[in-house]
Amino acid sequence: MERAAGILLSVSSLPSPYGIGTLGRAAYDFVDFLAAAGQKYWQMLPVGPISYGDSPYQSFSAFAGNPYYIDLDMLIADGLLTAEEAAAPFWGDKADRVDYGAVYAARFPLLEKAFDRGWQADRVAVASFAAKNRSWLPDYALFMALKRHFGMAPWTAWPLADIRLRKSAAVERWTAKLDREVRFFTYLQYLFQKQWDALKAYAVKKGIRLIGDLPIYVAMDSADVWANPGMFQLDSDNMPTAVAGVPPDAFTADGQLWGNPLYDWRRMADDGFAWWEQRMRSTLDRFDVARLDHFRGLESYWAVPKDAPTAASGRWEKGPGEAFVRMLHEKFPRSLIIAEDLGYVTEQVQALLDMSGFPGMRVLQFAFDHRDDSDYLPHCYPVNCICYTGAHDNTTLKGWLAEADARDVVKARAYLGLNREEGLDWGILRGGMGSVARMFIAQMQDYLGLGDEARMNRPGIPDGNWQWRMQPGAATPALAKRIKDLTVLFGR
């Protein structure tokens, strides 16, 4: 891995006139900005279709793309919509926030129009796309069609047991009954992939590589669980026997109860982790680099009884460990995989990371605890790591400077030589950029000098997350030059 730098920005955070960022003009402009700023990587959050709560980490599919990201101006250019149709809906009243309710209400009727006008003309190309993705696309399209039919209820609440349990006769019957809806959701994936491929080709031309985020767990209400119940710890009614979370720590007395179904790792190992191979291949087809979320869960994972009110009653269970890592090395020998190794890292987890050879993560906001010296201090870094200012669950640098213990800020000022003339936040950016870490990634919000109002996610708080959007014109040539000067200074 070359010494390099990049910027973390969700597709949803790009500016656009239609309520949420898309794969259109603003995405191409951001690629241009990255190139002008001397960056080599654009890291995104997961790009799958989001479910209740709007989190990209709770998706209806581990393979599908988010229909919200299909650019409407491109559909207008293709003759599938008119400008008047796209401009007519209410897209929200705050340009710096995504109104997901407004986007949901406005977007799908427009995509229905595009489907009605484009299906016949594109049917040969769609058939080719569907054939290439037959391992997951039919299940996903039928799953979404069924959700629509049953009022978007989770599949575990569908009233008919035969389709809830995915009996083959029921699948055949409902596929025929919901033919139009199945074709609609298939077409949306075709449109997403068409626009994605064009954007990725442009990024390659500009020397920008894309980093994708691969959540370790999938949502219970997903096509993945509905279509593959044998891969998960489920009972005879396909309900979880235990769910995912993390144990109590200094920040959460009850731990965190995520609620995702747990994998049946023994059964997955029997076929060489074939589903995971397929999932990683899909991710690396879409992105140049994969960030593997919650790496420590591969060594041991926290299993919480299904009816437990908190995560405190969970226990550690052994994960797939070295066998899983060996599969990744065998199947993807030349691919760059980043291990998200944050959280409760034991000697066993560290040993697995060392065995993998994957670069781990170091977060600058975690480095300056006045009570103790942290492994996240830059002088402790191994070269084979990725330095981040903060991840999507952190506030911005300005937010951290405002809310951190004053003694932590004093330590950061002394360690990095922070000063008002440069800007305290820019001094932290300089510290990360100058570290020995092979790659340095900063949130775009940090380069824009934004505070806690621009935070993407507040773990444990269910409302108001994943909404921040960058304003049109914010990524200026002057800002690109300042970032590039810092990047060049430190050989990235």
Protein backbone atom coordinates (compact mmCIF):
# COMPACT_ATOMS: atom_id res chain seq x y z
CA MET A 1 0.00 0.00 0.00
CA GLU A 2 1.44 3.34 -1.07
CA ARG A 3 1.65 6.33 1.25
CA ALA A 4 -1.53 8.24 0.49
CA ALA A 5 -4.43 10.32 1.78
CA GLY A 6 -8.16 10.42 1.22
CA ILE A 7 -11.42 11.93 2.40
CA LEU A 8 -14.44 10.30 4.03
CA LEU A 9 -17.77 11.52 2.65
CA SER A 10 -21.06 9.66 2.35
CA VAL A 11 -22.76 9.77 -1.05
CA SER A 12 -25.85 10.98 0.82
CA SER A 13 -23.92 14.08 1.94
CA LEU A 14 -23.23 15.36 -1.57
CA PRO A 15 -25.21 18.44 -2.62
CA SER A 16 -28.03 17.93 -5.12
CA PRO A 17 -31.36 19.61 -5.85
CA TYR A 18 -33.34 16.48 -4.97
CA GLY A 19 -33.00 16.14 -1.21
CA ILE A 20 -30.06 13.73 -0.98
CA GLY A 21 -26.69 13.19 -2.61
CA THR A 22 -26.59 11.04 -5.72
CA LEU A 23 -24.23 9.55 -8.30
CA GLY A 24 -24.67 12.57 -10.53
CA ARG A 25 -22.90 15.86 -11.19
CA ALA A 26 -21.95 16.56 -7.56
CA ALA A 27 -20.23 13.15 -7.29
CA TYR A 28 -18.13 13.90 -10.38
CA ASP A 29 -17.34 17.36 -9.00
CA PHE A 30 -16.17 15.78 -5.75
CA VAL A 31 -13.88 13.42 -7.66
CA ASP A 32 -12.41 16.52 -9.35
CA PHE A 33 -12.00 18.15 -5.94
CA LEU A 34 -10.18 15.10 -4.56
CA ALA A 35 -7.81 15.09 -7.52
CA ALA A 36 -7.15 18.83 -7.18
CA ALA A 37 -6.50 18.32 -3.44
CA GLY A 38 -3.87 15.66 -4.11
CA GLN A 39 -5.98 12.91 -2.60
CA LYS A 40 -5.96 9.32 -3.84
CA TYR A 41 -8.98 7.85 -2.03
CA TRP A 42 -12.67 8.59 -1.55
CA GLN A 43 -14.05 6.59 1.38
CA MET A 44 -17.83 6.18 1.47
CA LEU A 45 -20.31 4.79 3.95
CA PRO A 46 -22.23 1.67 2.85
CA VAL A 47 -24.28 2.32 -0.30
CA GLY A 48 -27.03 -0.29 0.16
CA PRO A 49 -30.77 0.44 0.34
CA ILE A 50 -31.57 1.72 3.81
CA SER A 51 -34.35 0.50 6.08
CA TYR A 52 -36.07 1.88 9.17
CA GLY A 53 -33.87 4.39 10.99
CA ASP A 54 -32.08 5.51 7.80
CA SER A 55 -28.80 3.88 8.81
CA PRO A 56 -26.57 2.65 5.98
CA TYR A 57 -25.51 -0.10 8.38
CA GLN A 58 -29.06 -1.51 8.45
CA SER A 59 -29.77 -2.35 4.83
CA PHE A 60 -32.38 -4.44 3.04
CA SER A 61 -29.52 -6.13 1.16
CA ALA A 62 -25.79 -6.71 1.48
CA PHE A 63 -25.51 -6.60 -2.33
CA ALA A 64 -28.00 -4.06 -3.70
CA GLY A 65 -27.46 -0.35 -4.30
CA ASN A 66 -29.50 2.45 -2.74
CA PRO A 67 -32.24 3.71 -5.13
CA TYR A 68 -31.97 7.13 -3.45
CA TYR A 69 -28.55 7.50 -5.09
CA ILE A 70 -29.87 7.13 -8.64
CA ASP A 71 -29.37 10.58 -10.12
CA LEU A 72 -32.55 12.16 -11.48
CA ASP A 73 -30.77 14.59 -13.81
CA MET A 74 -29.18 11.61 -15.53
CA LEU A 75 -32.62 10.04 -15.91
CA ILE A 76 -33.80 13.32 -17.44
CA ALA A 77 -30.87 13.21 -19.88
CA ASP A 78 -31.85 9.63 -20.79
CA GLY A 79 -35.42 10.71 -21.49
CA LEU A 80 -36.88 8.77 -18.57
CA LEU A 81 -38.08 11.84 -16.65
CA THR A 82 -38.75 15.50 -17.35
CA ALA A 83 -37.14 18.36 -15.46
CA GLU A 84 -40.60 19.52 -14.37
CA GLU A 85 -41.42 16.11 -12.90
CA ALA A 86 -38.17 15.98 -10.91
CA ALA A 87 -38.54 19.52 -9.59
CA ALA A 88 -42.20 19.23 -8.57
CA PRO A 89 -42.02 17.19 -5.31
CA PHE A 90 -41.17 18.53 -1.86
CA TRP A 91 -37.60 17.39 -1.15
CA GLY A 92 -37.19 18.91 2.31
CA ASP A 93 -36.73 22.45 3.56
CA LYS A 94 -33.13 22.32 4.83
CA ALA A 95 -30.35 22.27 2.27
CA ASP A 96 -27.83 20.98 4.84
CA ARG A 97 -29.96 18.04 6.05
CA VAL A 98 -31.57 15.03 4.41
CA ASP A 99 -35.30 14.79 5.07
CA TYR A 100 -35.63 11.03 4.59
CA GLY A 101 -39.40 11.08 4.88
CA ALA A 102 -39.66 13.60 2.05
CA VAL A 103 -37.13 11.73 -0.08
CA TYR A 104 -38.98 8.43 0.39
CA ALA A 105 -42.33 9.98 -0.50
CA ALA A 106 -41.04 11.81 -3.58
CA ARG A 107 -38.48 9.52 -5.12
CA PHE A 108 -40.28 6.23 -5.71
CA PRO A 109 -43.17 7.71 -7.74
CA LEU A 110 -40.54 9.29 -10.01
CA LEU A 111 -38.61 6.04 -10.30
CA GLU A 112 -41.89 4.32 -11.22
CA LYS A 113 -42.25 6.76 -14.13
CA ALA A 114 -38.68 6.04 -15.22
CA PHE A 115 -39.39 2.30 -15.08
CA ASP A 116 -42.56 2.64 -17.14
CA ARG A 117 -40.69 4.58 -19.82
CA GLY A 118 -37.43 2.68 -19.82
CA TRP A 119 -38.15 -1.00 -19.22
CA GLN A 120 -38.93 -1.98 -22.77
CA ALA A 121 -36.01 -0.11 -24.29
CA ASP A 122 -33.56 -1.43 -21.70
CA ARG A 123 -34.93 -4.95 -21.30
CA VAL A 124 -32.01 -6.66 -23.11
CA ALA A 125 -29.41 -4.79 -21.03
CA VAL A 126 -31.42 -5.46 -17.87
CA ALA A 127 -31.57 -9.18 -18.68
CA SER A 128 -27.79 -9.27 -19.07
CA PHE A 129 -27.34 -7.40 -15.77
CA ALA A 130 -29.78 -9.76 -14.02
CA ALA A 131 -27.96 -12.83 -15.34
CA LYS A 132 -24.66 -11.54 -13.92
CA ASN A 133 -26.29 -10.99 -10.53
CA ARG A 134 -28.57 -14.02 -10.35
CA SER A 135 -27.04 -15.17 -7.05
CA TRP A 136 -28.79 -12.34 -5.15
CA LEU A 137 -30.91 -10.11 -7.41
CA PRO A 138 -34.05 -12.31 -7.81
CA ASP A 139 -34.30 -12.80 -4.05
CA TYR A 140 -33.81 -9.09 -3.40
CA ALA A 141 -36.33 -7.95 -6.03
CA LEU A 142 -38.97 -10.38 -4.79
CA PHE A 143 -38.23 -9.45 -1.17
CA MET A 144 -38.81 -5.75 -1.90
CA ALA A 145 -41.92 -6.50 -3.96
CA LEU A 146 -43.32 -8.51 -1.05
CA LYS A 147 -42.48 -5.78 1.43
CA ARG A 148 -44.43 -3.32 -0.69
CA HIS A 149 -47.34 -5.74 -0.95
CA PHE A 150 -47.40 -6.19 2.84
CA GLY A 151 -47.20 -2.46 3.62
CA MET A 152 -43.38 -2.43 4.14
CA ALA A 153 -43.75 -4.65 7.21
CA PRO A 154 -40.63 -6.62 8.17
CA TRP A 155 -40.66 -10.09 6.65
CA THR A 156 -40.96 -11.65 10.10
CA ALA A 157 -44.43 -10.02 10.32
CA TRP A 158 -45.74 -11.11 6.92
CA PRO A 159 -49.11 -12.80 7.53
CA LEU A 160 -48.58 -15.86 5.31
CA ALA A 161 -46.21 -18.47 6.71
CA ASP A 162 -45.39 -20.11 3.38
CA ILE A 163 -43.80 -16.99 1.89
CA ARG A 164 -42.46 -15.80 5.23
CA LEU A 165 -40.58 -19.10 5.46
CA ARG A 166 -39.80 -18.92 1.73
CA LYS A 167 -41.36 -22.21 0.65
CA SER A 168 -40.49 -22.91 -2.99
CA ALA A 169 -44.10 -23.11 -4.21
CA ALA A 170 -44.90 -19.80 -2.52
CA VAL A 171 -41.84 -18.15 -4.08
CA GLU A 172 -42.94 -19.28 -7.53
CA ARG A 173 -46.52 -18.14 -6.97
CA TRP A 174 -45.63 -14.71 -5.56
CA THR A 175 -42.96 -14.07 -8.19
CA ALA A 176 -45.66 -14.45 -10.85
CA LYS A 177 -48.25 -12.47 -8.89
CA LEU A 178 -45.90 -9.54 -8.24
CA ASP A 179 -44.20 -9.65 -11.63
CA ARG A 180 -44.35 -5.90 -12.26
CA GLU A 181 -43.00 -5.02 -8.82
CA VAL A 182 -40.21 -7.58 -9.18
CA ARG A 183 -39.25 -6.09 -12.54
CA PHE A 184 -39.39 -2.58 -11.03
CA PHE A 185 -36.90 -3.38 -8.26
CA THR A 186 -34.71 -5.23 -10.74
CA TYR A 187 -34.69 -2.17 -13.00
CA LEU A 188 -33.71 0.12 -10.14
CA GLN A 189 -30.63 -2.00 -9.50
CA TYR A 190 -29.79 -1.84 -13.20
CA LEU A 191 -30.04 1.97 -13.15
CA PHE A 192 -27.94 2.21 -9.98
CA GLN A 193 -25.22 -0.03 -11.42
CA LYS A 194 -25.18 1.83 -14.74
CA GLN A 195 -24.62 5.15 -12.99
CA TRP A 196 -22.15 3.63 -10.52
CA ASP A 197 -20.01 2.12 -13.28
CA ALA A 198 -19.83 5.48 -15.06
CA LEU A 199 -18.77 7.29 -11.87
CA LYS A 200 -16.16 4.67 -11.00
CA ALA A 201 -14.69 4.85 -14.52
CA TYR A 202 -14.41 8.64 -14.12
CA ALA A 203 -12.71 8.24 -10.74
CA VAL A 204 -10.18 5.80 -12.25
CA LYS A 205 -9.41 8.31 -14.99
CA LYS A 206 -8.77 10.96 -12.33
CA GLY A 207 -6.56 8.67 -10.24
CA ILE A 208 -9.09 8.32 -7.39
CA ARG A 209 -9.75 4.94 -5.77
CA LEU A 210 -12.97 4.18 -3.89
CA ILE A 211 -13.07 2.69 -0.38
CA GLY A 212 -16.26 0.85 0.53
CA ASP A 213 -17.55 -0.04 3.99
CA LEU A 214 -18.61 -3.66 4.56
CA PRO A 215 -20.68 -4.01 7.77
CA ILE A 216 -19.98 -7.33 9.48
CA TYR A 217 -23.66 -7.94 10.30
CA VAL A 218 -26.75 -7.69 8.13
CA ALA A 219 -30.19 -6.45 9.15
CA MET A 220 -32.75 -8.99 10.33
CA ASP A 221 -35.22 -7.38 7.93
CA SER A 222 -33.15 -8.08 4.84
CA ALA A 223 -33.28 -10.24 1.76
CA ASP A 224 -30.07 -11.85 3.01
CA VAL A 225 -31.67 -13.36 6.12
CA TRP A 226 -35.03 -14.11 4.49
CA ALA A 227 -33.42 -15.96 1.57
CA ASN A 228 -30.62 -17.67 3.53
CA PRO A 229 -31.95 -18.53 7.01
CA GLY A 230 -29.61 -21.51 7.33
CA MET A 231 -26.62 -19.18 7.56
CA PHE A 232 -27.89 -17.58 10.76
CA GLN A 233 -28.65 -18.61 14.32
CA LEU A 234 -32.41 -18.91 13.85
CA ASP A 235 -35.06 -21.26 15.22
CA SER A 236 -37.62 -23.32 13.28
CA ASP A 237 -39.73 -20.19 12.70
CA ASN A 238 -36.64 -18.35 11.39
CA MET A 239 -36.50 -16.11 14.44
CA PRO A 240 -33.14 -15.34 16.13
CA THR A 241 -32.01 -17.46 19.03
CA ALA A 242 -29.41 -14.81 19.90
CA VAL A 243 -28.54 -11.36 18.55
CA ALA A 244 -25.47 -9.17 18.14
CA GLY A 245 -24.18 -6.45 20.42
CA VAL A 246 -21.16 -5.40 22.44
CA PRO A 247 -20.59 -5.77 26.20
CA PRO A 248 -20.77 -3.07 28.86
CA ASP A 249 -17.79 -0.73 29.00
CA ALA A 250 -16.78 2.59 30.50
CA PHE A 251 -19.20 4.42 28.21
CA THR A 252 -22.27 2.15 28.30
CA ALA A 253 -23.21 0.36 31.52
CA ASP A 254 -25.59 -1.99 29.68
CA GLY A 255 -23.49 -2.46 26.56
CA GLN A 256 -24.96 -1.94 23.10
CA LEU A 257 -27.79 -4.17 21.89
CA TRP A 258 -27.58 -4.07 18.09
CA GLY A 259 -30.19 -6.76 17.50
CA ASN A 260 -28.71 -8.14 14.25
CA PRO A 261 -28.98 -11.91 13.74
CA LEU A 262 -25.77 -13.81 14.39
CA TYR A 263 -24.10 -16.01 11.80
CA ASP A 264 -23.92 -19.76 12.13
CA TRP A 265 -20.16 -19.72 11.57
CA ARG A 266 -19.79 -23.51 11.77
CA ARG A 267 -22.26 -23.99 8.96
CA MET A 268 -20.66 -21.22 6.93
CA ALA A 269 -17.28 -22.88 7.33
CA ASP A 270 -18.65 -26.11 5.84
CA ASP A 271 -18.80 -24.57 2.35
CA GLY A 272 -15.68 -22.46 2.75
CA PHE A 273 -17.61 -19.28 3.65
CA ALA A 274 -19.10 -19.18 0.15
CA TRP A 275 -21.66 -16.45 0.97
CA TRP A 276 -18.94 -14.27 2.46
CA GLU A 277 -16.75 -14.84 -0.57
CA GLN A 278 -19.63 -13.73 -2.76
CA ARG A 279 -20.23 -10.69 -0.56
CA MET A 280 -16.59 -9.63 -0.53
CA ARG A 281 -16.34 -10.14 -4.29
CA SER A 282 -19.38 -7.94 -4.79
CA THR A 283 -17.84 -5.25 -2.58
CA LEU A 284 -14.49 -5.37 -4.37
CA ASP A 285 -16.21 -5.27 -7.76
CA ARG A 286 -17.90 -2.06 -6.67
CA PHE A 287 -14.99 -0.54 -4.74
CA ASP A 288 -11.21 -0.64 -4.99
CA VAL A 289 -10.73 -1.17 -1.24
CA ALA A 290 -12.96 -2.80 1.39
CA ARG A 291 -13.14 -1.67 5.01
CA LEU A 292 -14.19 -4.72 7.05
CA ASP A 293 -16.33 -3.51 9.92
CA HIS A 294 -16.05 -4.93 13.49
CA PHE A 295 -13.01 -7.07 12.75
CA ARG A 296 -12.83 -8.20 16.37
CA GLY A 297 -16.10 -10.09 15.84
CA LEU A 298 -14.21 -12.53 13.64
CA GLU A 299 -12.14 -13.64 16.63
CA SER A 300 -14.98 -13.62 19.20
CA TYR A 301 -18.42 -12.03 19.06
CA TRP A 302 -20.82 -10.92 21.78
CA ALA A 303 -23.97 -13.06 21.68
CA VAL A 304 -27.02 -11.72 23.54
CA PRO A 305 -30.05 -13.94 24.36
CA LYS A 306 -32.91 -13.07 22.00
CA ASP A 307 -35.28 -11.67 24.67
CA ALA A 308 -32.68 -9.89 26.80
CA PRO A 309 -33.57 -6.22 27.49
CA THR A 310 -29.91 -5.12 27.31
CA ALA A 311 -26.61 -6.47 26.06
CA ALA A 312 -25.29 -6.96 29.60
CA SER A 313 -26.39 -10.61 29.74
CA GLY A 314 -24.46 -11.59 26.61
CA ARG A 315 -21.36 -13.72 26.41
CA TRP A 316 -18.35 -14.14 24.15
CA GLU A 317 -18.53 -16.85 21.50
CA LYS A 318 -15.70 -17.89 19.21
CA GLY A 319 -15.81 -16.52 15.69
CA PRO A 320 -14.38 -18.06 12.51
CA GLY A 321 -10.92 -16.63 13.15
CA GLU A 322 -7.98 -17.74 11.05
CA ALA A 323 -10.04 -19.96 8.73
CA PHE A 324 -12.02 -16.92 7.59
CA VAL A 325 -8.91 -14.79 7.11
CA ARG A 326 -7.24 -17.57 5.13
CA MET A 327 -10.27 -17.66 2.82
CA LEU A 328 -9.90 -13.92 2.18
CA HIS A 329 -6.20 -14.31 1.42
CA GLU A 330 -6.83 -17.25 -0.90
CA LYS A 331 -9.72 -15.70 -2.82
CA PHE A 332 -8.56 -12.06 -2.83
CA PRO A 333 -4.76 -12.21 -2.71
CA ARG A 334 -4.10 -8.81 -4.28
CA SER A 335 -6.95 -6.86 -2.74
CA LEU A 336 -6.57 -4.18 -0.09
CA ILE A 337 -8.78 -4.85 2.95
CA ILE A 338 -8.84 -2.49 5.95
CA ALA A 339 -9.65 -4.02 9.34
CA GLU A 340 -11.87 -1.87 11.55
CA ASP A 341 -10.19 -3.01 14.75
CA LEU A 342 -11.72 -0.49 17.15
CA GLY A 343 -13.36 -1.45 20.42
CA TYR A 344 -12.38 -4.18 22.87
CA VAL A 345 -9.14 -5.50 21.37
CA THR A 346 -7.68 -8.48 23.22
CA GLU A 347 -4.38 -10.26 22.64
CA GLN A 348 -6.26 -12.82 20.57
CA VAL A 349 -7.80 -10.11 18.36
CA GLN A 350 -4.40 -8.49 17.90
CA ALA A 351 -2.89 -11.85 16.99
CA LEU A 352 -5.58 -12.37 14.34
CA LEU A 353 -4.95 -8.90 12.94
CA ASP A 354 -1.21 -9.59 12.82
CA MET A 355 -1.85 -12.91 11.08
CA SER A 356 -4.11 -11.20 8.52
CA GLY A 357 -1.62 -8.52 7.60
CA PHE A 358 -4.55 -6.12 7.13
CA PRO A 359 -3.94 -2.51 8.16
CA GLY A 360 -5.90 -1.54 11.25
CA MET A 361 -7.30 1.85 12.25
CA ARG A 362 -5.99 4.60 14.50
CA VAL A 363 -8.36 7.43 15.42
CA LEU A 364 -6.81 10.74 16.45
CA GLN A 365 -9.78 11.74 18.60
CA PHE A 366 -9.03 8.74 20.82
CA ALA A 367 -5.33 9.61 21.21
CA PHE A 368 -5.19 12.37 23.81
CA ASP A 369 -6.69 10.94 26.98
CA HIS A 370 -4.92 12.88 29.75
CA ARG A 371 -5.18 9.90 32.12
CA ASP A 372 -2.97 7.57 30.15
CA ASP A 373 -0.86 7.26 27.01
CA SER A 374 -2.90 5.79 24.17
CA ASP A 375 -1.81 3.47 21.37
CA TYR A 376 -3.54 5.99 19.12
CA LEU A 377 -0.82 8.60 19.70
CA PRO A 378 0.97 8.93 16.36
CA HIS A 379 4.40 7.98 17.75
CA CYS A 380 2.92 4.54 18.57
CA TYR A 381 1.65 3.83 15.05
CA PRO A 382 2.85 0.93 12.99
CA VAL A 383 3.40 1.89 9.36
CA ASN A 384 0.75 -0.64 8.32
CA CYS A 385 -2.28 1.26 9.57
CA ILE A 386 -4.83 3.87 8.53
CA CYS A 387 -4.94 7.10 10.53
CA TYR A 388 -8.38 8.74 10.80
CA THR A 389 -9.33 12.06 12.34
CA GLY A 390 -12.59 10.39 13.31
CA ALA A 391 -15.03 7.85 11.94
CA HIS A 392 -18.74 8.33 11.15
CA ASP A 393 -19.62 7.66 14.81
CA ASN A 394 -17.38 10.50 16.00
CA THR A 395 -18.08 14.18 16.08
CA THR A 396 -15.99 16.49 13.93
CA LEU A 397 -12.62 17.84 15.05
CA LYS A 398 -14.18 21.18 15.97
CA GLY A 399 -16.89 19.31 17.81
CA TRP A 400 -14.27 17.29 19.68
CA LEU A 401 -12.29 20.40 20.61
CA ALA A 402 -15.47 21.95 22.02
CA GLU A 403 -16.73 18.97 24.00
CA ALA A 404 -13.59 17.03 25.04
CA ASP A 405 -12.18 17.17 28.54
CA ALA A 406 -10.12 20.38 28.71
CA ARG A 407 -7.12 18.34 29.90
CA ASP A 408 -7.32 16.19 26.76
CA VAL A 409 -7.25 19.32 24.60
CA VAL A 410 -4.25 20.60 26.56
CA LYS A 411 -2.45 17.32 25.84
CA ALA A 412 -3.33 17.55 22.14
CA ARG A 413 -2.08 21.13 21.97
CA ALA A 414 1.23 20.18 23.57
CA TYR A 415 1.70 17.01 21.53
CA LEU A 416 0.86 18.51 18.12
CA GLY A 417 1.89 22.12 18.70
CA LEU A 418 -1.63 23.35 18.05
CA ASN A 419 -2.08 27.10 17.69
CA ARG A 420 -4.82 29.57 16.86
CA GLU A 421 -3.04 31.00 13.83
CA GLU A 422 -3.09 27.65 12.00
CA GLY A 423 -6.38 26.62 13.56
CA LEU A 424 -6.54 23.92 16.24
CA ASP A 425 -8.47 21.59 13.94
CA TRP A 426 -5.98 22.07 11.10
CA GLY A 427 -3.15 21.31 13.51
CA ILE A 428 -4.76 17.93 14.22
CA LEU A 429 -5.13 17.34 10.48
CA ARG A 430 -1.43 18.15 10.12
CA GLY A 431 -0.60 15.66 12.87
CA GLY A 432 -2.45 12.86 11.11
CA MET A 433 -1.12 13.76 7.69
CA GLY A 434 2.43 13.74 9.05
CA SER A 435 2.15 10.39 10.83
CA VAL A 436 3.90 7.23 9.60
CA ALA A 437 0.54 5.61 8.81
CA ARG A 438 0.43 4.49 5.18
CA MET A 439 -2.92 6.17 4.67
CA PHE A 440 -4.56 9.19 6.26
CA ILE A 441 -8.33 9.72 6.02
CA ALA A 442 -10.18 12.80 7.28
CA GLN A 443 -13.88 13.50 7.32
CA MET A 444 -14.84 16.18 4.80
CA GLN A 445 -16.53 18.01 7.67
CA ASP A 446 -13.10 18.48 9.26
CA TYR A 447 -11.64 20.12 6.18
CA LEU A 448 -14.72 22.36 6.03
CA GLY A 449 -14.19 23.41 9.64
CA LEU A 450 -17.66 22.36 10.79
CA GLY A 451 -18.77 21.63 14.33
CA ASP A 452 -20.91 18.99 15.99
CA GLU A 453 -23.93 20.06 13.93
CA ALA A 454 -22.28 18.23 11.00
CA ARG A 455 -21.85 14.94 12.84
CA MET A 456 -23.13 11.93 10.89
CA ASN A 457 -24.10 9.58 13.73
CA ARG A 458 -24.57 9.57 17.47
CA PRO A 459 -24.48 5.92 18.61
CA GLY A 460 -27.33 5.04 20.94
CA ILE A 461 -29.46 8.01 19.85
CA PRO A 462 -32.05 6.79 17.31
CA ASP A 463 -33.14 10.08 15.74
CA GLY A 464 -31.43 12.77 13.68
CA ASN A 465 -28.57 10.69 12.29
CA TRP A 466 -27.13 10.27 8.78
CA GLN A 467 -28.58 13.62 7.70
CA TRP A 468 -25.69 16.05 7.21
CA ARG A 469 -25.14 17.41 3.69
CA MET A 470 -22.36 19.50 2.24
CA GLN A 471 -23.45 22.83 0.79
CA PRO A 472 -23.06 23.59 -2.94
CA GLY A 473 -19.80 25.40 -3.55
CA ALA A 474 -18.26 24.44 -0.20
CA ALA A 475 -15.46 22.38 -1.81
CA THR A 476 -13.63 25.40 -3.20
CA PRO A 477 -10.40 25.58 -5.23
CA ALA A 478 -8.80 27.43 -2.31
CA LEU A 479 -9.65 24.57 0.06
CA ALA A 480 -8.33 22.02 -2.44
CA LYS A 481 -5.05 23.93 -2.62
CA ARG A 482 -4.68 24.06 1.16
CA ILE A 483 -5.30 20.32 1.44
CA LYS A 484 -2.91 19.59 -1.43
CA ASP A 485 -0.16 21.70 0.13
CA LEU A 486 -0.44 19.67 3.35
CA THR A 487 -0.59 16.42 1.41
CA VAL A 488 2.50 17.19 -0.65
CA LEU A 489 4.40 18.45 2.42
CA PHE A 490 4.05 15.04 4.07
CA GLY A 491 4.70 12.92 1.01
CA ARG A 492 1.17 11.60 0.48
